[in-house]
Amino acid sequence: MTAALRLVENGKPLEAVCWSLQEHVFSACVEVAERALSHTGKSELLLGGGVACNNRLRIMCDLMCKERESESFAPPRMYCIDNGTMIARLGWLELNAGRVTEFDASAIDQYLRTDQTPIIWA
């Protein structure tokens, strides 16, 4: 991001910088997905979340999967949006299970892995 911001500050067109940033980020994501397919022996990739609405990401995943003789799937866009209702439901489940997160501890942890997250309400 810092490099992208510098490019814009130095007069590069915002549209070109945004396109380049998107390409780099999506390339990294597709590379991780390809490694996951390879290491797990799977042959299907499923996109989800708000970013799965992006046509370019869908195309890049389709291309990678075709090269691997795999399949890429993405739900209809209306189901790929980030859903506040799901977040609220999770908060409700956590609260009812007795887990309260103080505001100071509620920041995003970019290193948190889903397999390391305690699920106390299940």
Protein backbone atom coordinates (compact mmCIF):
# COMPACT_ATOMS: atom_id res chain seq x y z
CA MET A 1 0.00 0.00 0.00
CA THR A 2 2.80 2.38 0.85
CA ALA A 3 4.38 1.90 -2.56
CA ALA A 4 1.02 2.42 -4.26
CA LEU A 5 0.39 5.61 -2.29
CA ARG A 6 3.84 6.90 -3.25
CA LEU A 7 3.17 6.25 -6.91
CA VAL A 8 -0.04 8.27 -6.74
CA GLU A 9 1.69 11.03 -4.78
CA ASN A 10 4.36 11.14 -7.49
CA GLY A 11 1.78 11.72 -10.20
CA LYS A 12 1.00 8.24 -11.51
CA PRO A 13 -2.61 7.82 -12.58
CA LEU A 14 -4.77 6.52 -9.74
CA GLU A 15 -6.58 4.11 -12.09
CA ALA A 16 -3.30 2.50 -13.18
CA VAL A 17 -2.03 2.17 -9.63
CA CYS A 18 -5.32 0.63 -8.47
CA TRP A 19 -5.31 -1.84 -11.36
CA SER A 20 -1.72 -2.84 -10.61
CA LEU A 21 -2.41 -3.23 -6.91
CA GLN A 22 -5.44 -5.39 -7.64
CA GLU A 23 -3.46 -7.59 -10.02
CA HIS A 24 -0.69 -8.12 -7.47
CA VAL A 25 -3.07 -8.87 -4.61
CA PHE A 26 -5.21 -11.24 -6.64
CA SER A 27 -2.13 -12.97 -8.06
CA ALA A 28 -0.93 -13.63 -4.52
CA CYS A 29 -4.36 -14.97 -3.52
CA VAL A 30 -4.57 -17.25 -6.55
CA GLU A 31 -1.06 -18.52 -5.89
CA VAL A 32 -2.04 -19.44 -2.33
CA ALA A 33 -5.18 -21.16 -3.62
CA GLU A 34 -3.13 -23.10 -6.16
CA ARG A 35 -0.72 -24.23 -3.45
CA ALA A 36 -3.65 -25.30 -1.28
CA LEU A 37 -5.08 -27.37 -4.14
CA SER A 38 -1.69 -28.94 -4.72
CA HIS A 39 -0.93 -29.74 -1.08
CA THR A 40 -4.38 -31.12 -0.32
CA GLY A 41 -4.85 -33.01 -3.55
CA LYS A 42 -8.18 -31.28 -4.11
CA SER A 43 -9.51 -30.39 -7.54
CA GLU A 44 -12.16 -27.81 -6.67
CA LEU A 45 -11.86 -24.21 -5.52
CA LEU A 46 -14.75 -22.30 -3.95
CA LEU A 47 -14.66 -18.51 -3.67
CA GLY A 48 -16.65 -16.71 -1.01
CA GLY A 49 -17.04 -13.38 0.74
CA GLY A 50 -17.33 -9.93 -0.72
CA VAL A 51 -14.21 -10.20 -2.85
CA ALA A 52 -15.77 -13.13 -4.73
CA CYS A 53 -17.98 -10.58 -6.49
CA ASN A 54 -14.94 -9.32 -8.38
CA ASN A 55 -14.92 -10.45 -12.03
CA ARG A 56 -11.15 -10.28 -12.33
CA LEU A 57 -10.60 -12.60 -9.36
CA ARG A 58 -13.15 -15.03 -10.76
CA ILE A 59 -11.37 -15.03 -14.13
CA MET A 60 -7.94 -15.52 -12.55
CA CYS A 61 -9.22 -18.45 -10.47
CA ASP A 62 -10.91 -20.00 -13.51
CA LEU A 63 -7.67 -19.76 -15.51
CA MET A 64 -5.56 -21.26 -12.73
CA CYS A 65 -8.00 -24.11 -12.24
CA LYS A 66 -8.17 -24.89 -15.95
CA GLU A 67 -4.37 -25.09 -16.04
CA ARG A 68 -4.52 -27.54 -13.10
CA GLU A 69 -7.41 -29.52 -14.60
CA SER A 70 -9.51 -28.39 -11.64
CA GLU A 71 -12.74 -26.46 -11.26
CA SER A 72 -13.41 -23.05 -9.77
CA PHE A 73 -16.79 -22.19 -8.29
CA ALA A 74 -18.30 -18.96 -7.02
CA PRO A 75 -21.83 -18.48 -5.74
CA PRO A 76 -24.12 -15.94 -7.39
CA ARG A 77 -22.98 -12.44 -6.49
CA MET A 78 -26.02 -11.81 -4.30
CA TYR A 79 -24.61 -14.43 -1.89
CA CYS A 80 -21.02 -13.16 -1.98
CA ILE A 81 -21.51 -9.87 -0.24
CA ASP A 82 -20.09 -9.29 3.22
CA ASN A 83 -23.09 -9.94 5.39
CA GLY A 84 -23.63 -7.85 8.51
CA THR A 85 -26.37 -10.24 9.61
CA MET A 86 -23.87 -13.11 9.82
CA ILE A 87 -21.51 -10.96 11.89
CA ALA A 88 -24.36 -9.94 14.22
CA ARG A 89 -25.43 -13.58 14.61
CA LEU A 90 -21.90 -14.60 15.55
CA GLY A 91 -21.80 -11.81 18.15
CA TRP A 92 -25.12 -13.01 19.55
CA LEU A 93 -23.85 -16.61 19.77
CA GLU A 94 -20.65 -15.48 21.48
CA LEU A 95 -22.51 -13.29 23.97
CA ASN A 96 -25.01 -16.03 24.83
CA ALA A 97 -22.11 -18.45 25.42
CA GLY A 98 -20.63 -16.01 27.94
CA ARG A 99 -17.84 -14.58 25.84
CA VAL A 100 -17.54 -10.81 25.97
CA THR A 101 -14.84 -9.00 24.02
CA GLU A 102 -13.79 -5.69 25.50
CA PHE A 103 -13.51 -2.85 23.00
CA ASP A 104 -9.74 -2.53 23.50
CA ALA A 105 -9.31 -6.20 22.57
CA SER A 106 -11.59 -6.06 19.53
CA ALA A 107 -9.05 -4.94 16.92
CA ILE A 108 -8.36 -6.98 13.81
CA ASP A 109 -5.59 -9.56 14.19
CA GLN A 110 -4.26 -10.19 10.71
CA TYR A 111 -2.27 -13.18 11.96
CA LEU A 112 -5.26 -14.96 13.53
CA ARG A 113 -5.95 -18.25 11.83
CA THR A 114 -9.45 -19.66 11.70
CA ASP A 115 -8.20 -23.01 13.00
CA GLN A 116 -6.85 -21.25 16.10
CA THR A 117 -10.09 -19.45 16.95
CA PRO A 118 -11.93 -20.84 19.97
CA ILE A 119 -15.53 -21.76 19.19
CA ILE A 120 -17.18 -21.81 22.60
CA TRP A 121 -20.79 -21.72 21.45
CA ALA A 122 -20.81 -24.87 19.32
